[in-house]
Amino acid sequence: MDVKTQSLRPQPHAARTVRPGDTWGGFFWFIIKLLLVVLAFRVFVFSPFSIPSESMLPRLMNGDYLLAAKWPYGISRHSLPIDLPLPEGRLFARPPERGDIVIFKHPVDGRDYIKRVIGLPGDSVAVINGEVVLNGERLPRQVLGDAIIPLSPNTACAWGGRESADAEGNPTCRYTRLRETLPGGRAYDVLDFGSTPYDGFAPVKVPAGTMFVMGDNRDSSRDSRFAAAAGDGVGLVPQDLLVGRASVIVWSSDGSADWGNPWTWFTAARWERIGSLL
């Protein structure tokens, strides 16, 4: 009886322990730590990029969103998500490999560009009749079946393509496609629109610390064949301007989405491209 009565008596409230995380200071410190983690991830691991043009067709399409790996080529001021007046050069610098799809800062205007590495320091690069000549040898090219690109609000049929339709009647564009192979066996697909003024380029030796880059859409790419100019060609690109190596497509949209209507985000997605490794 005494025990039961004792258990029914009101008990004094225990003093509430205030943890650091319960204070505004703790909350702000958590936010700062979270931002530091996100910044470190973007600087050292991966960073998102979008494809704004068709210069890398057929591998990359306008409306693709990809992650670029930051660590393969070292870390520099260009690895940061914002431009800061830090010293040039790269920590843990490593050169790219031929065939890498790289993201770099334009030598003149500082915008992000994406191209494929063709020539490295010491290489001689030329273009004859649209064929790349690397160190005096033409890169082997194999004619494949046409590249068939679906037409959409963000992807038109360029002058070198032929409009057609798929089995369901959806409009497409067909381009002549070839498989180009680098020394060592690395291969990738390129587009060719036929004879153009860009099919000839006199031999140039790639200087130390630079790289010769080209778009896979050879007749619609302002790359190392053109002198560096703002919003135009890139010339021979210093490797210190490297940002990262394109790694995986994480999202792709055909441009038909209405951002005020979430349902269209899914109908506009190119699901077959999402998750593709580069």
Protein backbone atom coordinates (compact mmCIF):
# COMPACT_ATOMS: atom_id res chain seq x y z
CA MET A 1 0.00 0.00 0.00
CA ASP A 2 2.75 2.39 0.91
CA VAL A 3 4.62 1.52 -2.27
CA LYS A 4 1.55 2.10 -4.46
CA THR A 5 0.75 5.41 -2.77
CA GLN A 6 4.31 6.59 -3.26
CA SER A 7 4.14 5.84 -6.98
CA LEU A 8 1.04 8.05 -7.35
CA ARG A 9 2.58 11.11 -5.80
CA PRO A 10 3.51 13.86 -8.31
CA GLN A 11 7.17 13.82 -9.10
CA PRO A 12 9.21 16.98 -9.54
CA HIS A 13 10.11 17.72 -13.19
CA ALA A 14 13.64 16.74 -14.06
CA ALA A 15 15.79 19.61 -15.19
CA ARG A 16 15.98 19.70 -19.00
CA THR A 17 19.50 19.35 -20.32
CA VAL A 18 20.23 21.93 -23.01
CA ARG A 19 22.38 20.45 -25.75
CA PRO A 20 24.60 22.61 -27.96
CA GLY A 21 22.54 21.61 -30.99
CA ASP A 22 19.39 23.09 -29.40
CA THR A 23 20.77 26.63 -29.55
CA TRP A 24 20.81 29.00 -32.50
CA GLY A 25 24.59 28.95 -32.37
CA GLY A 26 24.58 25.18 -32.72
CA PHE A 27 22.17 25.38 -35.65
CA PHE A 28 24.32 27.90 -37.50
CA TRP A 29 27.44 25.84 -36.83
CA PHE A 30 25.66 22.82 -38.34
CA ILE A 31 24.83 24.89 -41.46
CA ILE A 32 28.45 26.03 -41.77
CA LYS A 33 29.70 22.45 -41.51
CA LEU A 34 27.15 21.32 -44.10
CA LEU A 35 28.26 24.06 -46.50
CA LEU A 36 31.89 23.09 -46.00
CA VAL A 37 31.08 19.46 -46.82
CA VAL A 38 29.20 20.50 -49.97
CA LEU A 39 32.06 22.80 -51.00
CA ALA A 40 34.64 20.08 -50.42
CA PHE A 41 32.54 17.67 -52.50
CA ARG A 42 32.34 20.14 -55.37
CA VAL A 43 36.03 21.04 -55.22
CA PHE A 44 37.53 17.59 -54.75
CA VAL A 45 34.98 15.01 -55.91
CA PHE A 46 32.20 15.82 -58.40
CA SER A 47 30.55 18.90 -59.81
CA PRO A 48 27.44 19.21 -62.02
CA PHE A 49 27.52 20.58 -65.56
CA SER A 50 24.97 20.94 -68.33
CA ILE A 51 25.42 20.58 -72.09
CA PRO A 52 24.25 23.75 -73.86
CA SER A 53 25.07 22.86 -77.49
CA GLU A 54 25.39 20.01 -79.98
CA SER A 55 29.16 20.13 -80.50
CA MET A 56 29.61 16.75 -78.76
CA LEU A 57 26.94 14.82 -80.64
CA PRO A 58 26.34 11.92 -80.81
CA ARG A 59 27.75 11.16 -77.33
CA LEU A 60 26.36 14.21 -75.56
CA MET A 61 23.14 16.04 -76.37
CA ASN A 62 21.83 19.48 -75.61
CA GLY A 63 19.89 19.08 -72.36
CA ASP A 64 22.20 16.47 -70.82
CA TYR A 65 23.24 17.07 -67.23
CA LEU A 66 26.39 15.32 -66.09
CA LEU A 67 28.80 14.98 -63.22
CA ALA A 68 32.46 15.78 -63.77
CA ALA A 69 35.08 14.08 -61.63
CA LYS A 70 37.39 16.70 -60.12
CA TRP A 71 40.28 14.58 -58.86
CA PRO A 72 41.73 12.98 -62.05
CA TYR A 73 43.71 16.05 -63.15
CA GLY A 74 44.46 17.72 -59.83
CA ILE A 75 42.96 20.70 -58.03
CA SER A 76 43.25 24.35 -59.05
CA ARG A 77 41.41 27.63 -58.65
CA HIS A 78 39.23 26.48 -61.53
CA SER A 79 37.97 23.62 -59.39
CA LEU A 80 36.07 26.11 -57.23
CA PRO A 81 32.39 26.83 -57.94
CA ILE A 82 33.20 30.56 -57.83
CA ASP A 83 36.06 32.52 -59.33
CA LEU A 84 38.58 33.64 -56.73
CA PRO A 85 41.90 35.43 -57.33
CA LEU A 86 44.00 32.43 -56.32
CA PRO A 87 47.39 31.47 -57.81
CA GLU A 88 47.48 29.58 -61.09
CA GLY A 89 48.71 25.99 -61.32
CA ARG A 90 47.35 22.69 -60.04
CA LEU A 91 47.94 20.61 -56.94
CA PHE A 92 48.46 16.87 -57.55
CA ALA A 93 48.49 17.67 -61.28
CA ARG A 94 48.11 14.80 -63.72
CA PRO A 95 47.72 15.12 -67.50
CA PRO A 96 44.56 13.92 -69.25
CA GLU A 97 44.62 10.93 -71.56
CA ARG A 98 43.80 10.99 -75.25
CA GLY A 99 40.10 10.36 -75.67
CA ASP A 100 39.05 11.87 -72.33
CA ILE A 101 35.99 14.12 -72.44
CA VAL A 102 37.19 17.12 -70.46
CA ILE A 103 35.63 20.25 -69.04
CA PHE A 104 37.86 23.30 -69.00
CA LYS A 105 37.74 27.08 -68.75
CA HIS A 106 37.85 28.93 -72.04
CA PRO A 107 41.30 30.58 -72.32
CA VAL A 108 39.75 33.99 -73.10
CA ASP A 109 36.29 34.35 -71.59
CA GLY A 110 36.58 31.81 -68.76
CA ARG A 111 33.34 29.99 -69.59
CA ASP A 112 33.05 26.22 -69.15
CA TYR A 113 33.67 24.27 -72.36
CA ILE A 114 33.54 20.53 -73.00
CA LYS A 115 35.55 18.72 -75.70
CA ARG A 116 37.49 15.50 -76.29
CA VAL A 117 41.27 15.39 -75.88
CA ILE A 118 42.98 14.41 -79.15
CA GLY A 119 46.57 15.62 -78.77
CA LEU A 120 48.94 15.87 -75.81
CA PRO A 121 52.28 17.69 -75.41
CA GLY A 122 54.73 16.65 -78.09
CA ASP A 123 52.03 15.34 -80.44
CA SER A 124 51.64 16.64 -83.97
CA VAL A 125 48.00 17.14 -84.96
CA ALA A 126 46.59 17.92 -88.40
CA VAL A 127 43.30 17.42 -90.25
CA ILE A 128 43.23 16.34 -93.89
CA ASN A 129 39.91 15.90 -95.71
CA GLY A 130 38.17 15.72 -92.37
CA GLU A 131 40.44 12.96 -91.02
CA VAL A 132 42.63 13.57 -87.98
CA VAL A 133 46.33 12.96 -88.55
CA LEU A 134 48.12 12.29 -85.27
CA ASN A 135 51.91 12.14 -85.33
CA GLY A 136 51.89 11.58 -89.07
CA GLU A 137 49.32 8.74 -89.01
CA ARG A 138 45.66 9.09 -89.94
CA LEU A 139 43.36 7.91 -87.18
CA PRO A 140 41.41 4.88 -88.42
CA ARG A 141 37.75 5.64 -89.18
CA GLN A 142 35.01 3.11 -89.73
CA VAL A 143 31.68 4.08 -91.28
CA LEU A 144 28.78 3.01 -89.05
CA GLY A 145 25.05 3.20 -89.43
CA ASP A 146 23.59 6.69 -89.25
CA ALA A 147 23.27 8.37 -85.89
CA ILE A 148 19.53 8.89 -85.37
CA ILE A 149 18.84 11.85 -83.09
CA PRO A 150 15.26 12.53 -81.91
CA LEU A 151 14.14 16.08 -82.63
CA SER A 152 12.81 18.08 -79.70
CA PRO A 153 12.50 21.68 -78.50
CA ASN A 154 16.21 21.79 -77.60
CA THR A 155 17.55 19.59 -80.44
CA ALA A 156 17.10 20.64 -84.05
CA CYS A 157 18.28 19.02 -87.27
CA ALA A 158 21.48 20.81 -88.31
CA TRP A 159 22.37 21.53 -91.91
CA GLY A 160 24.39 18.33 -92.21
CA GLY A 161 21.50 16.10 -91.12
CA ARG A 162 18.57 14.54 -92.94
CA GLU A 163 15.12 14.75 -91.38
CA SER A 164 13.29 11.44 -91.00
CA ALA A 165 10.95 9.66 -88.58
CA ASP A 166 11.21 6.65 -86.30
CA ALA A 167 8.89 3.63 -86.31
CA GLU A 168 6.31 5.52 -84.23
CA GLY A 169 6.37 8.51 -86.58
CA ASN A 170 8.33 10.78 -84.24
CA PRO A 171 10.62 13.24 -86.07
CA THR A 172 14.32 12.43 -86.06
CA CYS A 173 17.51 13.61 -87.72
CA ARG A 174 20.01 11.28 -89.35
CA TYR A 175 23.72 12.05 -89.43
CA THR A 176 26.60 10.21 -91.03
CA ARG A 177 28.42 8.50 -88.17
CA LEU A 178 31.95 7.11 -88.02
CA ARG A 179 33.98 5.29 -85.38
CA GLU A 180 37.37 6.94 -84.80
CA THR A 181 40.12 5.03 -83.00
CA LEU A 182 43.09 6.53 -81.17
CA PRO A 183 46.49 4.86 -80.73
CA GLY A 184 46.05 2.28 -78.00
CA GLY A 185 42.57 1.31 -79.16
CA ARG A 186 40.35 3.90 -77.50
CA ALA A 187 37.41 4.54 -79.85
CA TYR A 188 34.40 6.87 -80.00
CA ASP A 189 31.77 7.96 -82.53
CA VAL A 190 31.98 11.20 -84.50
CA LEU A 191 29.64 12.95 -86.93
CA ASP A 192 30.64 14.09 -90.41
CA PHE A 193 28.56 16.53 -92.49
CA GLY A 194 30.64 16.03 -95.61
CA SER A 195 33.16 18.40 -97.18
CA THR A 196 33.43 21.68 -95.25
CA PRO A 197 36.04 24.45 -94.85
CA TYR A 198 36.91 22.95 -91.45
CA ASP A 199 38.15 19.69 -92.96
CA GLY A 200 41.69 21.00 -93.39
CA PHE A 201 44.07 22.04 -90.63
CA ALA A 202 47.84 22.42 -91.00
CA PRO A 203 50.02 20.35 -88.65
CA VAL A 204 50.71 21.88 -85.26
CA LYS A 205 52.90 20.54 -82.47
CA VAL A 206 51.20 20.59 -79.08
CA PRO A 207 53.38 22.59 -76.65
CA ALA A 208 54.21 21.48 -73.13
CA GLY A 209 51.40 22.00 -70.64
CA THR A 210 48.65 22.25 -73.27
CA MET A 211 46.23 19.94 -75.09
CA PHE A 212 44.54 19.79 -78.50
CA VAL A 213 40.78 19.25 -78.15
CA MET A 214 38.00 18.62 -80.65
CA GLY A 215 34.24 18.19 -80.56
CA ASP A 216 32.81 14.86 -81.71
CA ASN A 217 30.43 16.78 -83.99
CA ARG A 218 33.37 17.71 -86.16
CA ASP A 219 31.65 20.17 -88.48
CA SER A 220 29.83 21.97 -85.67
CA SER A 221 32.52 22.54 -83.06
CA ARG A 222 34.72 25.56 -82.40
CA ASP A 223 37.69 23.81 -80.89
CA SER A 224 41.50 23.75 -81.11
CA ARG A 225 41.34 24.13 -84.90
CA PHE A 226 40.28 27.73 -84.30
CA ALA A 227 42.21 30.52 -82.60
CA ALA A 228 41.11 31.28 -79.06
CA ALA A 229 38.52 34.07 -79.03
CA ALA A 230 35.72 34.92 -76.61
CA GLY A 231 32.64 32.83 -77.38
CA ASP A 232 34.44 31.09 -80.25
CA GLY A 233 37.43 28.79 -80.75
CA VAL A 234 39.64 27.66 -77.88
CA GLY A 235 43.05 27.19 -79.53
CA LEU A 236 45.59 25.01 -77.76
CA VAL A 237 44.17 24.80 -74.23
CA PRO A 238 46.48 25.08 -71.19
CA GLN A 239 46.03 22.05 -68.96
CA ASP A 240 45.95 24.38 -65.95
CA LEU A 241 42.45 25.37 -67.15
CA LEU A 242 41.12 21.84 -66.66
CA VAL A 243 38.08 21.60 -64.39
CA GLY A 244 37.32 17.88 -64.51
CA ARG A 245 36.60 14.77 -66.55
CA ALA A 246 33.04 14.07 -67.68
CA SER A 247 31.95 10.90 -65.88
CA VAL A 248 28.22 10.14 -65.96
CA ILE A 249 24.95 11.57 -67.29
CA VAL A 250 22.67 12.07 -64.29
CA TRP A 251 19.71 13.70 -66.09
CA SER A 252 18.65 14.51 -69.63
CA SER A 253 15.72 16.57 -70.86
CA ASP A 254 14.42 17.16 -74.39
CA GLY A 255 13.52 20.74 -73.51
CA SER A 256 9.74 20.26 -73.48
CA ALA A 257 9.35 20.53 -69.70
CA ASP A 258 7.27 23.29 -68.18
CA TRP A 259 9.03 23.97 -64.89
CA GLY A 260 5.75 25.11 -63.37
CA ASN A 261 4.22 21.71 -64.12
CA PRO A 262 6.16 18.93 -62.34
CA TRP A 263 4.47 16.20 -64.40
CA THR A 264 6.25 17.42 -67.55
CA TRP A 265 9.62 16.99 -65.85
CA PHE A 266 9.13 13.25 -66.26
CA THR A 267 7.60 13.26 -69.74
CA ALA A 268 10.49 15.42 -71.01
CA ALA A 269 13.17 13.15 -69.54
CA ARG A 270 15.34 11.07 -71.86
CA TRP A 271 15.30 8.09 -69.50
CA GLU A 272 17.51 5.93 -71.72
CA ARG A 273 20.40 8.37 -71.33
CA ILE A 274 20.30 8.74 -67.55
CA GLY A 275 23.10 6.82 -65.86
CA SER A 276 25.24 6.51 -68.99
CA LEU A 277 28.97 6.44 -68.21
CA LEU A 278 31.25 8.64 -70.29
